Amino acid sequence: MREVAAEGLGEVYFRDRGRRAQGLLVEFTDVEHVDFDLEPRRPAPHAHAPRPT
């Protein structure tokens, strides 16, 4: 279970779904308790270019 949680955390948080830190490996070591929220991720707000007037 530790491996699955570490991979999920690495992918979503540190590697940002492939946008950064692609080679980073994440491991849980000496962890006594961890709590995750499994709600769907909300899309990040996107900056929009101003419309021509």
PDB file of N, CA and C in Angstrom:
ATOM      1  N   MET A   1       0.815  -1.197   0.000  1.00  0.00           N
ATOM      2  CA  MET A   1       0.000   0.000   0.000  1.00  0.00           C
ATOM      3  C   MET A   1       0.860   1.263   0.000  1.00  0.00           C
ATOM      4  N   ARG A   2       1.995   1.217   0.684  1.00  0.00           N
ATOM      5  CA  ARG A   2       2.880   2.385   0.704  1.00  0.00           C
ATOM      6  C   ARG A   2       3.349   2.771  -0.694  1.00  0.00           C
ATOM      7  N   GLU A   3       3.661   1.755  -1.507  1.00  0.00           N
ATOM      8  CA  GLU A   3       4.150   2.019  -2.860  1.00  0.00           C
ATOM      9  C   GLU A   3       3.086   2.696  -3.717  1.00  0.00           C
ATOM     10  N   VAL A   4       1.844   2.228  -3.593  1.00  0.00           N
ATOM     11  CA  VAL A   4       0.742   2.807  -4.371  1.00  0.00           C
ATOM     12  C   VAL A   4       0.499   4.255  -3.949  1.00  0.00           C
ATOM     13  N   ALA A   5       0.477   4.500  -2.650  1.00  0.00           N
ATOM     14  CA  ALA A   5       0.247   5.857  -2.151  1.00  0.00           C
ATOM     15  C   ALA A   5       1.384   6.782  -2.566  1.00  0.00           C
ATOM     16  N   ALA A   6       2.617   6.319  -2.490  1.00  0.00           N
ATOM     17  CA  ALA A   6       3.766   7.144  -2.877  1.00  0.00           C
ATOM     18  C   ALA A   6       3.729   7.461  -4.366  1.00  0.00           C
ATOM     19  N   GLU A   7       3.386   6.495  -5.194  1.00  0.00           N
ATOM     20  CA  GLU A   7       3.304   6.732  -6.639  1.00  0.00           C
ATOM     21  C   GLU A   7       2.198   7.728  -6.968  1.00  0.00           C
ATOM     22  N   GLY A   8       1.042   7.592  -6.331  1.00  0.00           N
ATOM     23  CA  GLY A   8      -0.054   8.529  -6.562  1.00  0.00           C
ATOM     24  C   GLY A   8       0.302   9.940  -6.130  1.00  0.00           C
ATOM     25  N   LEU A   9       0.909  10.079  -4.971  1.00  0.00           N
ATOM     26  CA  LEU A   9       1.328  11.392  -4.489  1.00  0.00           C
ATOM     27  C   LEU A   9       2.367  11.995  -5.417  1.00  0.00           C
ATOM     28  N   GLY A  10       3.323  11.179  -5.841  1.00  0.00           N
ATOM     29  CA  GLY A  10       4.353  11.669  -6.751  1.00  0.00           C
ATOM     30  C   GLY A  10       3.773  12.136  -8.065  1.00  0.00           C
ATOM     31  N   GLU A  11       2.841  11.386  -8.617  1.00  0.00           N
ATOM     32  CA  GLU A  11       2.263  11.729  -9.921  1.00  0.00           C
ATOM     33  C   GLU A  11       1.422  12.989  -9.868  1.00  0.00           C
ATOM     34  N   VAL A  12       0.562  13.087  -8.883  1.00  0.00           N
ATOM     35  CA  VAL A  12      -0.369  14.211  -8.827  1.00  0.00           C
ATOM     36  C   VAL A  12       0.288  15.471  -8.262  1.00  0.00           C
ATOM     37  N   TYR A  13       1.071  15.347  -7.199  1.00  0.00           N
ATOM     38  CA  TYR A  13       1.600  16.531  -6.521  1.00  0.00           C
ATOM     39  C   TYR A  13       2.962  16.965  -7.055  1.00  0.00           C
ATOM     40  N   PHE A  14       3.937  16.074  -7.045  1.00  0.00           N
ATOM     41  CA  PHE A  14       5.299  16.464  -7.411  1.00  0.00           C
ATOM     42  C   PHE A  14       5.513  16.510  -8.925  1.00  0.00           C
ATOM     43  N   ARG A  15       5.050  15.503  -9.650  1.00  0.00           N
ATOM     44  CA  ARG A  15       5.258  15.466 -11.099  1.00  0.00           C
ATOM     45  C   ARG A  15       4.154  16.199 -11.856  1.00  0.00           C
ATOM     46  N   ASP A  16       3.117  16.608 -11.157  1.00  0.00           N
ATOM     47  CA  ASP A  16       2.020  17.403 -11.721  1.00  0.00           C
ATOM     48  C   ASP A  16       1.501  16.795 -13.015  1.00  0.00           C
ATOM     49  N   ARG A  17       1.199  15.500 -12.960  1.00  0.00           N
ATOM     50  CA  ARG A  17       0.638  14.756 -14.095  1.00  0.00           C
ATOM     51  C   ARG A  17       1.483  14.887 -15.353  1.00  0.00           C
ATOM     52  N   GLY A  18       2.806  14.815 -15.182  1.00  0.00           N
ATOM     53  CA  GLY A  18       3.718  14.818 -16.323  1.00  0.00           C
ATOM     54  C   GLY A  18       4.241  16.170 -16.742  1.00  0.00           C
ATOM     55  N   ARG A  19       3.871  17.231 -16.045  1.00  0.00           N
ATOM     56  CA  ARG A  19       4.321  18.565 -16.446  1.00  0.00           C
ATOM     57  C   ARG A  19       5.644  18.974 -15.809  1.00  0.00           C
ATOM     58  N   ARG A  20       6.111  18.257 -14.795  1.00  0.00           N
ATOM     59  CA  ARG A  20       7.394  18.611 -14.167  1.00  0.00           C
ATOM     60  C   ARG A  20       7.939  17.416 -13.406  1.00  0.00           C
ATOM     61  N   ALA A  21       9.198  17.458 -13.072  1.00  0.00           N
ATOM     62  CA  ALA A  21       9.887  16.455 -12.233  1.00  0.00           C
ATOM     63  C   ALA A  21       9.631  15.020 -12.685  1.00  0.00           C
ATOM     64  N   GLN A  22       9.738  14.765 -14.004  1.00  0.00           N
ATOM     65  CA  GLN A  22       9.408  13.445 -14.538  1.00  0.00           C
ATOM     66  C   GLN A  22      10.234  12.321 -13.930  1.00  0.00           C
ATOM     67  N   GLY A  23      11.491  12.551 -13.597  1.00  0.00           N
ATOM     68  CA  GLY A  23      12.339  11.483 -13.079  1.00  0.00           C
ATOM     69  C   GLY A  23      12.285  11.293 -11.572  1.00  0.00           C
ATOM     70  N   LEU A  24      11.468  12.059 -10.882  1.00  0.00           N
ATOM     71  CA  LEU A  24      11.424  12.012  -9.419  1.00  0.00           C
ATOM     72  C   LEU A  24      10.778  10.727  -8.921  1.00  0.00           C
ATOM     73  N   LEU A  25      11.440  10.057  -8.001  1.00  0.00           N
ATOM     74  CA  LEU A  25      10.882   8.881  -7.345  1.00  0.00           C
ATOM     75  C   LEU A  25      10.445   9.275  -5.939  1.00  0.00           C
ATOM     76  N   VAL A  26       9.275   8.831  -5.534  1.00  0.00           N
ATOM     77  CA  VAL A  26       8.725   9.170  -4.216  1.00  0.00           C
ATOM     78  C   VAL A  26       8.595   7.896  -3.402  1.00  0.00           C
ATOM     79  N   GLU A  27       9.051   7.940  -2.163  1.00  0.00           N
ATOM     80  CA  GLU A  27       8.918   6.816  -1.236  1.00  0.00           C
ATOM     81  C   GLU A  27       8.389   7.315   0.096  1.00  0.00           C
ATOM     82  N   PHE A  28       7.578   6.500   0.748  1.00  0.00           N
ATOM     83  CA  PHE A  28       7.181   6.766   2.123  1.00  0.00           C
ATOM     84  C   PHE A  28       8.120   5.981   3.022  1.00  0.00           C
ATOM     85  N   THR A  29       8.817   6.679   3.907  1.00  0.00           N
ATOM     86  CA  THR A  29       9.686   6.011   4.876  1.00  0.00           C
ATOM     87  C   THR A  29       9.377   6.571   6.262  1.00  0.00           C
ATOM     88  N   ASP A  30       9.340   5.718   7.237  1.00  0.00           N
ATOM     89  CA  ASP A  30       9.079   6.115   8.627  1.00  0.00           C
ATOM     90  C   ASP A  30       7.786   6.914   8.788  1.00  0.00           C
ATOM     91  N   VAL A  31       6.747   6.534   8.069  1.00  0.00           N
ATOM     92  CA  VAL A  31       5.451   7.203   8.158  1.00  0.00           C
ATOM     93  C   VAL A  31       4.567   6.413   9.108  1.00  0.00           C
ATOM     94  N   GLU A  32       4.030   7.088  10.104  1.00  0.00           N
ATOM     95  CA  GLU A  32       3.138   6.427  11.053  1.00  0.00           C
ATOM     96  C   GLU A  32       1.670   6.585  10.674  1.00  0.00           C
ATOM     97  N   HIS A  33       1.314   7.713  10.057  1.00  0.00           N
ATOM     98  CA  HIS A  33      -0.081   7.968   9.704  1.00  0.00           C
ATOM     99  C   HIS A  33      -0.119   8.892   8.490  1.00  0.00           C
ATOM    100  N   VAL A  34      -1.024   8.596   7.572  1.00  0.00           N
ATOM    101  CA  VAL A  34      -1.260   9.481   6.430  1.00  0.00           C
ATOM    102  C   VAL A  34      -2.755   9.470   6.141  1.00  0.00           C
ATOM    103  N   ASP A  35      -3.293  10.618   5.737  1.00  0.00           N
ATOM    104  CA  ASP A  35      -4.713  10.757   5.485  1.00  0.00           C
ATOM    105  C   ASP A  35      -4.898  11.385   4.110  1.00  0.00           C
ATOM    106  N   PHE A  36      -5.686  10.733   3.246  1.00  0.00           N
ATOM    107  CA  PHE A  36      -5.933  11.226   1.902  1.00  0.00           C
ATOM    108  C   PHE A  36      -7.398  11.524   1.721  1.00  0.00           C
ATOM    109  N   ASP A  37      -7.681  12.532   0.916  1.00  0.00           N
ATOM    110  CA  ASP A  37      -9.035  12.850   0.507  1.00  0.00           C
ATOM    111  C   ASP A  37      -9.198  12.355  -0.920  1.00  0.00           C
ATOM    112  N   LEU A  38     -10.195  11.539  -1.182  1.00  0.00           N
ATOM    113  CA  LEU A  38     -10.363  10.930  -2.494  1.00  0.00           C
ATOM    114  C   LEU A  38     -11.416  11.624  -3.348  1.00  0.00           C
ATOM    115  N   GLU A  39     -11.668  12.893  -3.096  1.00  0.00           N
ATOM    116  CA  GLU A  39     -12.600  13.644  -3.922  1.00  0.00           C
ATOM    117  C   GLU A  39     -11.947  13.952  -5.262  1.00  0.00           C
ATOM    118  N   PRO A  40     -12.738  14.102  -6.321  1.00  0.00           N
ATOM    119  CA  PRO A  40     -12.166  14.419  -7.638  1.00  0.00           C
ATOM    120  C   PRO A  40     -11.418  15.733  -7.614  1.00  0.00           C
ATOM    121  N   ARG A  41     -10.362  15.788  -8.381  1.00  0.00           N
ATOM    122  CA  ARG A  41      -9.555  17.007  -8.474  1.00  0.00           C
ATOM    123  C   ARG A  41     -10.303  18.036  -9.311  1.00  0.00           C
ATOM    124  N   ARG A  42     -10.356  19.243  -8.811  1.00  0.00           N
ATOM    125  CA  ARG A  42     -10.998  20.323  -9.548  1.00  0.00           C
ATOM    126  C   ARG A  42      -9.988  20.899 -10.534  1.00  0.00           C
ATOM    127  N   PRO A  43     -10.426  21.241 -11.740  1.00  0.00           N
ATOM    128  CA  PRO A  43      -9.486  21.814 -12.707  1.00  0.00           C
ATOM    129  C   PRO A  43      -8.972  23.163 -12.232  1.00  0.00           C
ATOM    130  N   ALA A  44      -7.723  23.425 -12.540  1.00  0.00           N
ATOM    131  CA  ALA A  44      -7.112  24.697 -12.165  1.00  0.00           C
ATOM    132  C   ALA A  44      -7.696  25.796 -13.043  1.00  0.00           C
ATOM    133  N   PRO A  45      -7.848  26.996 -12.471  1.00  0.00           N
ATOM    134  CA  PRO A  45      -8.344  28.102 -13.302  1.00  0.00           C
ATOM    135  C   PRO A  45      -7.310  28.440 -14.375  1.00  0.00           C
ATOM    136  N   HIS A  46      -7.777  28.756 -15.553  1.00  0.00           N
ATOM    137  CA  HIS A  46      -6.876  29.086 -16.663  1.00  0.00           C
ATOM    138  C   HIS A  46      -6.950  30.584 -16.933  1.00  0.00           C
ATOM    139  N   ALA A  47      -5.787  31.140 -17.226  1.00  0.00           N
ATOM    140  CA  ALA A  47      -5.743  32.552 -17.602  1.00  0.00           C
ATOM    141  C   ALA A  47      -6.253  32.680 -19.036  1.00  0.00           C
ATOM    142  N   HIS A  48      -7.093  33.633 -19.278  1.00  0.00           N
ATOM    143  CA  HIS A  48      -7.642  33.862 -20.610  1.00  0.00           C
ATOM    144  C   HIS A  48      -7.040  35.114 -21.182  1.00  0.00           C
ATOM    145  N   ALA A  49      -6.706  35.074 -22.468  1.00  0.00           N
ATOM    146  CA  ALA A  49      -6.201  36.261 -23.154  1.00  0.00           C
ATOM    147  C   ALA A  49      -7.339  37.261 -23.288  1.00  0.00           C
ATOM    148  N   PRO A  50      -7.016  38.530 -23.164  1.00  0.00           N
ATOM    149  CA  PRO A  50      -8.080  39.531 -23.310  1.00  0.00           C
ATOM    150  C   PRO A  50      -8.671  39.492 -24.721  1.00  0.00           C
ATOM    151  N   ARG A  51      -9.959  39.703 -24.799  1.00  0.00           N
ATOM    152  CA  ARG A  51     -10.626  39.732 -26.099  1.00  0.00           C
ATOM    153  C   ARG A  51     -10.369  41.057 -26.793  1.00  0.00           C
ATOM    154  N   PRO A  52     -10.128  40.990 -28.113  1.00  0.00           N
ATOM    155  CA  PRO A  52      -9.943  42.265 -28.829  1.00  0.00           C
ATOM    156  C   PRO A  52     -11.231  43.079 -28.818  1.00  0.00           C
ATOM    157  N   THR A  53     -11.096  44.379 -28.739  1.00  0.00           N
ATOM    158  CA  THR A  53     -12.281  45.251 -28.711  1.00  0.00           C
ATOM    159  C   THR A  53     -12.482  45.953 -30.018  1.00  0.00           C
TER     160      THR A  53
END
